[in-house]
Protein backbone atom coordinates (compact mmCIF):
# COMPACT_ATOMS: atom_id res chain seq x y z
CA MET A 1 77.76 90.25 28.50
CA ILE A 2 75.86 89.44 31.64
CA SER A 3 78.52 87.18 33.14
CA ARG A 4 81.11 90.16 32.92
CA THR A 5 79.08 92.65 34.77
CA PRO A 6 81.27 93.56 37.88
CA LYS A 7 79.64 92.57 41.18
CA ARG A 8 80.25 96.05 42.58
CA PHE A 9 78.15 97.48 39.85
CA GLU A 10 75.18 95.21 40.63
CA LEU A 11 75.34 96.34 44.33
CA SER A 12 75.75 99.94 43.43
CA ARG A 13 72.48 99.69 41.05
CA ARG A 14 70.48 98.03 43.69
CA ALA A 15 71.49 100.76 45.96
CA CYS A 16 70.09 103.77 43.73
CA LEU A 17 66.92 101.78 42.95
CA ARG A 18 66.01 101.43 46.75
CA GLY A 19 65.12 105.08 46.74
CA ALA A 20 65.89 108.48 47.91
CA GLY A 21 67.07 109.69 51.27
CA ALA A 22 68.71 107.35 53.90
CA ALA A 23 67.65 103.91 52.20
CA LEU A 24 70.37 104.63 49.51
CA ALA A 25 72.94 103.66 51.97
CA LEU A 26 71.38 100.38 53.48
CA PRO A 27 72.16 97.95 50.71
CA MET A 28 75.90 98.69 51.25
CA LEU A 29 75.54 98.31 55.24
CA GLU A 30 73.63 95.02 54.33
CA ALA A 31 76.36 93.78 52.28
CA MET A 32 78.94 94.51 54.69
CA VAL A 33 77.40 94.50 58.28
CA PRO A 34 74.60 91.94 58.94
CA SER A 35 71.66 92.81 60.97
CA VAL A 36 71.64 96.51 60.13
CA ALA A 37 67.80 96.83 60.61
CA ARG A 38 67.84 95.23 63.93
CA ALA A 39 70.80 97.77 64.89
CA GLN A 40 68.91 100.71 63.90
CA GLN A 41 65.97 99.82 66.16
CA LYS A 42 68.18 99.39 68.79
CA THR A 43 68.43 102.04 71.56
CA ALA A 44 71.81 103.01 72.72
CA GLY A 45 72.49 102.42 76.41
CA ALA A 46 73.20 105.42 78.61
CA ALA A 47 76.60 103.97 79.15
CA LYS A 48 77.48 103.70 75.57
CA PRO A 49 79.62 106.33 73.84
CA LEU A 50 77.74 108.21 70.98
CA ARG A 51 80.74 109.49 69.24
CA LEU A 52 83.82 108.25 67.38
CA VAL A 53 87.20 110.06 66.72
CA VAL A 54 89.88 107.96 64.91
CA TRP A 55 93.37 109.57 65.27
CA THR A 56 96.45 108.08 63.54
CA LEU A 57 99.99 108.43 63.48
CA PRO A 58 102.23 106.94 60.66
CA ASP A 59 105.34 104.70 60.24
CA GLY A 60 104.84 102.51 63.53
CA VAL A 61 106.30 103.01 66.95
CA ARG A 62 109.31 102.21 68.94
CA MET A 63 107.58 99.04 70.56
CA ASP A 64 109.64 98.75 73.57
CA ALA A 65 109.03 102.27 74.57
CA TRP A 66 105.39 102.00 73.90
CA THR A 67 104.45 98.40 75.37
CA PRO A 68 103.85 98.06 78.91
CA LYS A 69 105.55 95.17 80.59
CA THR A 70 102.54 93.74 82.38
CA THR A 71 98.93 93.24 81.43
CA GLY A 72 95.79 94.59 83.50
CA ALA A 73 95.38 97.55 85.43
CA GLY A 74 98.37 97.61 87.37
CA TYR A 75 100.89 98.23 84.27
CA ALA A 76 103.45 100.98 84.70
CA THR A 77 103.24 103.66 82.27
CA THR A 78 105.80 103.60 79.46
CA PRO A 79 107.87 106.69 78.18
CA ILE A 80 105.57 107.15 74.80
CA LEU A 81 102.45 106.90 76.82
CA GLN A 82 103.30 109.10 79.54
CA PRO A 83 101.68 112.23 78.18
CA LEU A 84 98.48 110.42 78.71
CA ASP A 85 98.99 109.62 82.31
CA ALA A 86 96.33 111.96 83.41
CA TYR A 87 93.80 109.74 81.60
CA LYS A 88 95.22 106.47 82.45
CA ALA A 89 92.02 105.42 84.24
CA GLN A 90 90.02 106.52 81.15
CA PHE A 91 91.67 104.49 78.42
CA ASN A 92 93.08 101.04 77.46
CA VAL A 93 96.23 100.20 75.73
CA ILE A 94 95.84 97.33 73.27
CA SER A 95 98.30 95.14 71.64
CA GLY A 96 98.59 91.86 69.64
CA LEU A 97 95.87 92.46 66.89
CA ALA A 98 96.57 90.89 63.45
CA ASN A 99 95.73 93.22 60.55
CA THR A 100 95.35 89.99 58.37
CA PRO A 101 93.58 91.57 55.28
CA ALA A 102 96.99 93.78 55.11
CA SER A 103 99.47 90.86 55.67
CA VAL A 104 101.05 89.01 52.64
CA VAL A 105 101.14 85.25 52.55
CA SER A 106 103.93 84.98 50.48
CA GLY A 107 106.48 87.19 48.66
CA ASP A 108 108.02 90.27 49.86
CA ILE A 109 106.57 91.40 53.21
CA PHE A 110 107.58 94.73 52.68
CA ALA A 111 105.90 95.58 49.25
CA GLY A 112 103.33 97.78 49.77
CA SER A 113 102.82 97.43 53.49
CA HIS A 114 102.07 100.99 54.38
CA ALA A 115 99.37 101.34 51.62
CA ARG A 116 98.05 97.71 52.55
CA ALA A 117 97.97 98.52 56.22
CA THR A 118 96.50 101.88 55.85
CA GLY A 119 93.89 100.85 53.36
CA ALA A 120 92.72 98.05 55.36
CA MET A 121 92.96 99.63 58.77
CA LEU A 122 89.28 100.55 58.93
CA SER A 123 87.86 98.32 56.18
CA GLN A 124 89.46 94.98 57.08
CA MET A 125 89.12 94.06 53.39
CA PRO A 126 92.02 92.99 51.02
CA LEU A 127 92.89 95.57 48.72
CA THR A 128 93.22 95.26 45.06
CA PHE A 129 96.49 95.55 43.84
CA THR A 130 96.50 98.53 41.36
CA SER A 131 97.66 101.80 40.80
CA GLY A 132 95.21 102.74 38.42
CA ASN A 133 91.49 103.75 38.75
CA ASN A 134 90.30 100.03 39.43
CA ILE A 135 90.66 100.49 43.16
CA LYS A 136 88.75 98.31 45.38
CA ASN A 137 88.60 98.36 49.20
CA GLY A 138 85.60 98.28 51.32
CA ILE A 139 83.47 100.41 53.46
CA SER A 140 85.51 101.61 56.52
CA MET A 141 84.14 101.45 60.17
CA ASP A 142 83.59 105.31 60.60
CA GLN A 143 81.19 105.25 57.58
CA VAL A 144 79.22 102.31 58.79
CA ILE A 145 78.72 104.24 61.87
CA ALA A 146 78.06 107.35 60.03
CA ASN A 147 75.43 105.64 58.12
CA TYR A 148 73.70 104.24 61.27
CA LEU A 149 73.74 107.78 62.65
CA LYS A 150 71.96 108.92 59.45
CA THR A 151 69.12 107.13 60.95
CA THR A 152 69.31 107.50 64.70
CA ALA A 153 70.46 111.32 64.71
CA PRO A 154 69.34 112.50 61.20
CA SER A 155 69.56 116.24 62.09
CA LEU A 156 73.38 116.03 62.55
CA ARG A 157 74.91 118.68 60.18
CA LEU A 158 77.47 116.29 58.91
CA PRO A 159 77.52 112.60 59.05
CA SER A 160 81.38 112.68 59.12
CA LEU A 161 84.37 114.65 59.13
CA GLU A 162 87.65 113.75 57.51
CA LEU A 163 90.52 115.61 58.49
CA GLY A 164 94.44 115.75 57.98
CA ALA A 165 97.43 117.75 58.51
CA VAL A 166 99.31 116.96 55.50
CA TYR A 167 97.88 117.01 51.80
CA ALA A 168 98.53 114.18 49.55
CA GLY A 169 97.15 113.09 46.28
CA ALA A 170 95.09 110.03 45.80
CA THR A 171 96.05 108.84 42.28
CA GLY A 172 98.77 107.20 40.88
CA ASN A 173 101.46 104.62 42.26
CA CYS A 174 102.48 105.54 45.90
CA GLU A 175 104.04 102.39 47.14
CA ASP A 176 105.11 99.29 45.22
CA GLY A 177 102.27 99.31 42.64
CA TYR A 178 99.68 100.21 45.20
CA SER A 179 97.37 103.04 44.56
CA CYS A 180 97.93 106.41 46.62
CA ALA A 181 94.34 106.19 47.38
CA TYR A 182 95.06 103.53 49.82
CA LEU A 183 97.87 105.24 51.36
CA THR A 184 96.30 108.66 51.91
CA ASN A 185 92.86 108.06 52.78
CA LEU A 186 90.94 106.43 56.09
CA ALA A 187 87.34 106.98 55.14
CA TRP A 188 85.71 104.82 52.54
CA THR A 189 81.95 105.01 51.65
CA GLY A 190 82.14 101.68 49.80
CA PRO A 191 84.68 99.59 47.57
CA THR A 192 85.65 102.27 45.16
CA THR A 193 84.93 105.58 46.80
CA PHE A 194 87.07 107.18 49.32
CA LEU A 195 86.53 110.62 51.22
CA PRO A 196 89.39 112.91 50.91
CA LYS A 197 90.76 114.79 53.91
CA GLU A 198 90.45 118.51 54.50
CA THR A 199 93.88 119.97 55.52
CA ASN A 200 93.15 123.64 55.75
CA PRO A 201 91.76 124.30 59.43
CA LYS A 202 90.18 127.49 58.21
CA ALA A 203 88.15 125.68 55.37
CA VAL A 204 87.16 123.29 58.31
CA PHE A 205 85.96 126.13 60.32
CA ASP A 206 84.06 127.52 57.69
CA ARG A 207 82.49 124.17 56.95
CA LEU A 208 81.33 123.77 60.43
CA THR A 209 80.05 127.32 61.19
CA LYS A 210 78.29 127.63 57.84
CA GLY A 211 74.43 128.52 58.83
CA GLY A 212 75.77 129.40 62.09
CA LEU A 213 76.45 127.42 65.43
CA PRO A 214 73.37 125.50 67.01
CA GLY A 215 71.92 127.01 69.99
CA PRO A 216 68.68 128.87 71.11
CA ALA A 217 66.69 131.13 68.75
CA PRO A 218 67.92 134.76 68.84
CA VAL A 219 65.56 137.10 70.66
CA THR A 220 64.59 140.12 68.38
CA THR A 221 63.50 143.50 69.73
CA THR A 222 62.21 144.77 66.36
CA MET A 223 59.02 144.36 64.70
CA PRO A 224 58.96 141.60 62.37
CA PRO A 225 58.70 142.42 58.34
CA PRO A 226 55.46 141.53 56.48
CA ALA A 227 54.72 137.90 56.35
CA THR A 228 56.08 137.39 52.81
CA THR A 229 58.25 134.35 51.69
CA THR A 230 60.92 136.45 50.26
CA SER A 231 61.05 139.16 52.85
CA THR A 232 61.20 136.84 55.92
CA MET A 233 64.19 134.77 54.55
CA THR A 234 67.74 135.64 55.68
CA PRO A 235 70.43 135.73 53.08
CA GLY A 236 71.69 132.50 54.53
CA ALA A 237 68.37 130.71 54.13
CA LYS A 238 67.93 131.84 50.58
CA ALA A 239 71.39 130.58 49.76
CA LEU A 240 70.38 127.13 51.35
CA ALA A 241 67.07 127.08 49.54
CA TYR A 242 68.64 127.72 46.15
CA GLN A 243 71.14 124.97 46.85
CA LYS A 244 68.21 122.60 47.43
CA GLY A 245 66.66 123.56 44.24
CA ILE A 246 69.91 123.03 42.27
CA LEU A 247 70.42 119.68 43.93
CA ASP A 248 66.83 118.54 42.81
CA LEU A 249 67.58 119.43 39.46
CA VAL A 250 70.94 117.75 39.23
CA ALA A 251 69.18 114.74 40.83
CA ALA A 252 66.38 114.73 38.03
CA ASP A 253 68.79 115.15 35.39
CA THR A 254 71.30 112.57 36.27
CA ASN A 255 68.21 109.95 36.60
CA ALA A 256 67.13 110.87 33.29
CA LEU A 257 70.70 110.22 31.87
CA LYS A 258 71.20 107.03 33.44
CA ALA A 259 68.82 105.21 31.14
CA LYS A 260 70.93 106.04 28.25
CA LEU A 261 74.13 104.88 29.58
CA GLY A 262 76.26 101.82 29.53
CA ARG A 263 76.50 99.52 32.68
CA ALA A 264 79.83 100.75 33.62
CA ASP A 265 78.83 104.25 33.41
CA GLN A 266 75.44 103.49 35.27
CA ALA A 267 77.50 102.32 38.25
CA LYS A 268 79.84 105.42 38.40
CA LEU A 269 76.76 107.54 38.05
CA SER A 270 74.94 105.64 40.98
CA ASP A 271 77.94 106.59 43.14
CA TYR A 272 77.61 110.02 42.03
CA LEU A 273 73.76 110.22 42.87
CA ASP A 274 74.68 108.94 46.30
CA SER A 275 76.94 111.90 46.67
CA VAL A 276 74.49 114.29 45.50
CA ASN A 277 71.73 112.66 47.82
CA GLU A 278 74.11 113.08 50.68
CA LEU A 279 75.12 116.83 49.95
CA GLU A 280 71.38 117.43 49.97
CA ARG A 281 70.72 115.73 53.39
CA ARG A 282 73.77 118.06 54.59
CA VAL A 283 72.11 121.12 53.13
CA ASN A 284 68.81 120.20 54.73
CA ALA A 285 70.52 119.70 58.14
CA MET A 286 71.79 123.07 58.01
CA THR A 287 68.60 124.84 57.18
CA PRO A 288 67.46 126.73 60.44
CA ALA A 289 64.46 125.23 62.31
CA THR A 290 61.10 126.86 62.19
CA GLY A 291 60.99 126.62 66.19
CA SER A 292 63.30 125.89 69.04
CA GLY A 293 63.59 122.30 70.12
CA ALA A 294 62.04 120.85 67.11
CA ALA A 295 62.38 117.07 66.58
CA GLY A 296 64.40 115.62 63.82
CA ALA A 297 63.07 113.39 61.13
CA GLY A 298 61.63 110.20 62.59
CA GLY A 299 60.66 111.84 65.63
CA THR A 300 64.47 111.88 67.16
CA ALA A 301 65.89 114.82 69.03
CA PRO A 302 67.80 117.66 67.10
CA PRO A 303 71.74 117.94 67.94
CA MET A 304 72.35 118.83 71.57
CA PRO A 305 75.31 121.33 71.71
CA THR A 306 77.17 121.18 74.96
CA ALA A 307 77.44 124.48 77.34
CA GLY A 308 80.79 124.94 75.55
CA CYS A 309 79.39 125.51 71.94
CA MET A 310 79.96 129.20 71.06
CA SER A 311 81.70 131.08 68.58
CA VAL A 312 85.42 130.64 68.54
CA ALA A 313 88.15 132.60 66.89
CA ALA A 314 88.76 131.27 63.21
CA PRO A 315 92.05 129.66 62.58
CA LYS A 316 94.15 131.25 59.88
CA ASP A 317 93.65 130.37 56.32
CA GLY A 318 96.50 128.18 55.23
CA THR A 319 98.00 124.76 55.08
CA TYR A 320 100.96 123.15 56.48
CA LEU A 321 102.17 121.35 53.23
CA GLY A 322 99.80 121.77 50.61
CA THR A 323 99.60 122.23 46.86
CA ASP A 324 99.39 126.03 46.82
CA ARG A 325 102.79 127.01 48.55
CA THR A 326 101.61 130.50 49.05
CA LYS A 327 99.24 129.18 51.77
CA ASN A 328 101.60 126.98 53.57
CA ASN A 329 101.91 129.36 56.72
CA TYR A 330 101.52 126.66 59.27
CA GLY A 331 103.93 124.68 61.26
CA TYR A 332 103.49 121.10 61.84
CA ALA A 333 102.88 121.17 65.56
CA GLU A 334 100.78 124.18 64.91
CA VAL A 335 98.40 122.48 62.32
CA LEU A 336 98.12 119.56 64.47
CA THR A 337 96.64 121.91 67.42
CA ALA A 338 94.42 123.75 64.95
CA MET A 339 92.84 120.44 63.75
CA ASN A 340 92.49 119.20 67.29
CA ASP A 341 90.57 122.43 68.22
CA MET A 342 88.16 121.83 65.11
CA ILE A 343 87.59 118.10 66.24
CA ALA A 344 86.50 119.59 69.47
CA LEU A 345 84.37 122.36 68.01
CA ALA A 346 82.56 120.04 65.73
CA LEU A 347 81.97 117.52 68.85
CA THR A 348 81.14 120.22 71.23
CA CYS A 349 78.61 121.81 69.09
CA ASP A 350 77.35 118.33 67.97
CA LEU A 351 77.73 119.21 64.25
CA THR A 352 79.08 115.70 63.62
CA ARG A 353 79.65 112.61 65.61
CA VAL A 354 82.27 110.69 63.59
CA VAL A 355 85.73 112.24 62.74
CA THR A 356 88.66 110.63 61.14
CA PHE A 357 92.23 112.43 61.34
CA MET A 358 95.49 111.43 59.66
CA SER A 359 98.39 113.25 61.27
CA GLU A 360 100.85 112.44 58.55
CA ILE A 361 100.79 110.34 55.46
CA PRO A 362 102.65 106.92 56.02
CA LEU A 363 106.01 106.82 54.13
CA ASN A 364 106.41 110.22 55.44
CA THR A 365 109.17 112.13 53.33
CA GLN A 366 108.00 115.59 54.19
CA THR A 367 108.06 116.41 57.87
CA ASN A 368 111.40 117.15 59.47
CA PHE A 369 111.12 116.69 63.18
CA ALA A 370 114.12 119.08 64.05
CA PHE A 371 111.59 121.11 66.03
CA VAL A 372 111.67 118.46 68.62
CA GLY A 373 115.26 117.53 68.29
CA VAL A 374 115.16 114.77 65.67
CA ASP A 375 116.86 116.08 62.38
CA SER A 376 115.17 113.93 59.76
CA ALA A 377 115.24 115.14 56.25
CA ASN A 378 113.26 111.93 55.59
CA TYR A 379 111.87 110.35 58.77
CA HIS A 380 110.79 107.15 57.06
CA ASP A 381 113.88 106.28 55.63
CA ASP A 382 116.27 107.85 57.95
CA ILE A 383 114.58 107.03 61.47
CA SER A 384 111.83 104.60 61.23
CA HIS A 385 114.11 101.99 59.54
CA HIS A 386 116.55 102.29 62.33
CA GLY A 387 118.33 99.09 62.24
CA GLY A 388 118.83 98.89 66.01
CA ASN A 389 120.63 102.25 66.03
CA PRO A 390 120.13 103.58 69.63
CA THR A 391 120.26 107.14 68.11
CA LYS A 392 117.55 106.39 65.62
CA LEU A 393 115.59 104.49 68.16
CA MET A 394 115.56 107.42 70.27
CA GLY A 395 114.64 109.66 67.52
CA ILE A 396 111.49 107.34 67.07
CA GLN A 397 110.61 107.53 70.62
CA THR A 398 110.86 111.16 70.71
CA VAL A 399 108.54 111.64 67.70
CA ASN A 400 106.30 109.07 69.16
CA THR A 401 106.18 111.09 72.39
CA PHE A 402 105.39 114.36 70.29
CA TYR A 403 102.42 112.45 68.90
CA ALA A 404 101.21 111.40 72.32
CA GLN A 405 101.38 114.93 73.51
CA GLN A 406 99.20 115.93 70.64
CA PHE A 407 96.84 113.09 71.49
CA ALA A 408 96.46 114.37 74.96
CA TYR A 409 95.69 117.65 73.97
CA LEU A 410 92.66 116.22 72.12
CA LEU A 411 91.81 114.43 75.11
CA ASP A 412 92.24 117.73 77.43
CA GLN A 413 89.58 119.31 74.96
CA LEU A 414 87.00 116.61 75.27
CA ALA A 415 87.58 116.16 79.07
CA ALA A 416 86.82 120.09 79.79
CA THR A 417 83.58 120.12 77.80
CA PRO A 418 80.71 119.11 79.79
CA ASP A 419 78.34 116.53 77.92
CA PRO A 420 74.39 117.57 78.01
CA ASP A 421 73.55 114.25 79.46
CA GLY A 422 76.00 114.46 82.18
CA GLY A 423 79.83 113.78 82.55
CA THR A 424 82.23 114.98 79.88
CA LEU A 425 82.45 114.59 76.15
CA LEU A 426 85.31 112.12 76.76
CA ASP A 427 82.75 110.15 78.59
CA THR A 428 80.47 109.85 75.60
CA THR A 429 83.37 109.66 72.80
CA GLN A 430 85.42 106.80 71.69
CA VAL A 431 88.72 108.28 70.86
CA VAL A 432 90.90 105.80 68.94
CA TRP A 433 94.71 106.55 68.63
CA SER A 434 95.71 103.97 65.74
CA LYS A 435 98.72 103.33 63.63
CA GLU A 436 99.08 101.25 60.53
CA LEU A 437 102.19 99.40 61.64
CA GLY A 438 103.78 98.43 65.00
CA ASP A 439 107.59 98.04 64.50
CA GLY A 440 108.05 100.27 61.51
CA ARG A 441 111.52 98.59 60.47
CA LEU A 442 109.81 95.32 60.68
CA HIS A 443 106.68 96.43 58.66
CA ASP A 444 104.68 94.53 61.21
CA CYS A 445 100.96 94.47 60.57
CA LYS A 446 100.37 91.57 63.21
CA GLY A 447 101.17 93.30 66.37
CA VAL A 448 99.83 96.88 65.87
CA PRO A 449 99.23 98.81 69.12
CA TRP A 450 96.26 100.90 69.76
CA VAL A 451 94.79 103.20 72.54
CA LEU A 452 91.13 103.12 72.98
CA ALA A 453 90.40 106.32 75.28
CA GLY A 454 86.99 107.57 76.71
CA GLY A 455 83.56 106.16 76.57
CA LYS A 456 81.95 103.79 79.16
CA TYR A 457 81.37 101.00 77.19
CA PHE A 458 84.68 99.27 77.74
CA LYS A 459 86.21 98.43 80.96
CA ASN A 460 89.10 101.18 80.91
CA GLY A 461 92.48 101.56 82.75
CA ARG A 462 94.20 98.39 81.49
CA PHE A 463 96.74 97.10 79.24
CA VAL A 464 95.47 94.26 77.23
CA ASP A 465 97.41 91.84 74.93
CA PHE A 466 95.29 90.06 72.69
CA GLY A 467 97.92 87.78 71.25
CA GLY A 468 97.28 87.79 67.63
CA ALA A 469 93.41 88.26 67.69
CA PRO A 470 91.70 89.19 64.23
CA HIS A 471 91.94 93.01 63.97
CA GLN A 472 88.23 92.55 62.74
CA LYS A 473 87.16 91.97 66.37
CA LEU A 474 88.22 95.19 67.45
CA LEU A 475 86.11 97.07 64.66
CA VAL A 476 83.14 94.95 65.82
CA SER A 477 83.80 96.06 69.45
CA ILE A 478 83.79 99.74 68.65
CA CYS A 479 80.86 99.29 66.17
CA GLN A 480 78.97 97.69 69.19
CA SER A 481 80.03 100.37 71.62
CA VAL A 482 77.86 102.92 69.39
CA GLY A 483 74.73 101.08 69.18
CA LEU A 484 75.29 98.56 66.38
CA ASP A 485 75.01 94.78 66.80
CA ASN A 486 77.17 93.39 63.91
CA MET A 487 79.14 90.27 64.60
CA THR A 488 81.43 90.68 61.60
CA PHE A 489 83.34 93.46 59.79
CA GLY A 490 85.09 93.39 56.54
CA ASP A 491 86.06 89.89 55.65
CA PRO A 492 83.92 87.66 57.60
CA THR A 493 86.37 84.75 57.03
CA LYS A 494 89.00 86.33 59.27
CA GLY A 495 87.14 86.95 62.50
CA VAL A 496 83.70 86.76 64.13
CA GLY A 497 82.49 88.56 67.05
CA PRO A 498 83.65 91.24 69.30
CA LEU A 499 87.12 91.08 71.24
CA ASP A 500 86.88 88.83 74.45
CA GLY A 501 87.45 90.50 77.54
CA LEU A 502 87.65 94.28 76.15
CA ALA A 503 84.05 95.31 77.16
């Protein structure tokens, strides 16, 4: 029986036995990213970005209208990238990266390509071929960085925020026998656990503002009530304290139950305990401080909201294409703008420093882009599989340009917000615009184009073609840009070190 014990169970069990708090995440990082202990002691340089946003579009791009003709700083802006022209000096266009774990060695190159490429985009691990519950991926880059920030900035209300514009389930077969979990999620806390997206902007707003926005303590002009424990607690504080008590009870009960379970169930329970512990940490982070300017755990500074952190109007309660049809009151462009506003709010108020956003689900069969002049009952089949048809190629370019405009809007929001340490939020945020494929018709995973905007760690303002370099190296570079010192990511046999010439 011992020889049949799954390796991932052993890892999960060790993680649980490590103890409470942030230590629960360390074994996972230890297995995936070397030198974590050294990275956590490393102080981030003033020129390094402190935040990460990953923003995706689906089904590839029109490569000839996306890719600059010349490399370096003097490249001419291409039609699709034109909406970003105001920030040309603040981003790099990147091409020629090979998403090797997503590429098949033999067989049908099209089989499951969208699911494979999306699932491996931020994990760089080969996916287990399954449509059942035995999914297996790897920890994603955003969660490695979120775990790092749990120790360097433990007072953050949310370690990470997972958003999307379109709902899609995560169970069953979504593409050629590959699980929907791979196709519909970017963020993975480990091989078998993904973080689902929130697609209702109002729900995101409520989550961000629960407990109030950070800022100076309010000034009171009334006499305080008698100093008793119950009378001095606000209703919000009482609710938070109650939640903490419930979480303690759940953790104690599940620990007691664990000794009675078999090994397979113990592994699942370990993952659950990790989730309970994370929820408790988030509740603790939302509890109002007893004094202004109080330091966070470990002597680190508390979150530092920018001057732009203020109460904003709540977006309407609804979705674009959710399961509850009565709440589908958003247009597609409208929900993208609302979610971009929520990303800006989260970063402006320093509620989180890691965000992933899926604008659409690859293999899109839901959004009709007639509102930008591309009549597509099924964009993936009708347009992205263009077959060289000039009308369809122009349709892809139009849709890609629409996404560029939405991405530029997010950059506008960050560039207009001062950072407490000087400059703007765009200066201290690595904003990554990614896709799962290059040419959607070819289902190309080996020449996927990216935009790296903002931050001061990389030398910006260039088009760089890396000529087939491993995609892992890009993820290593991004991790290092926020203070980690790992030299590999995902499958270490596919690439070592950062991308040469990017920093």
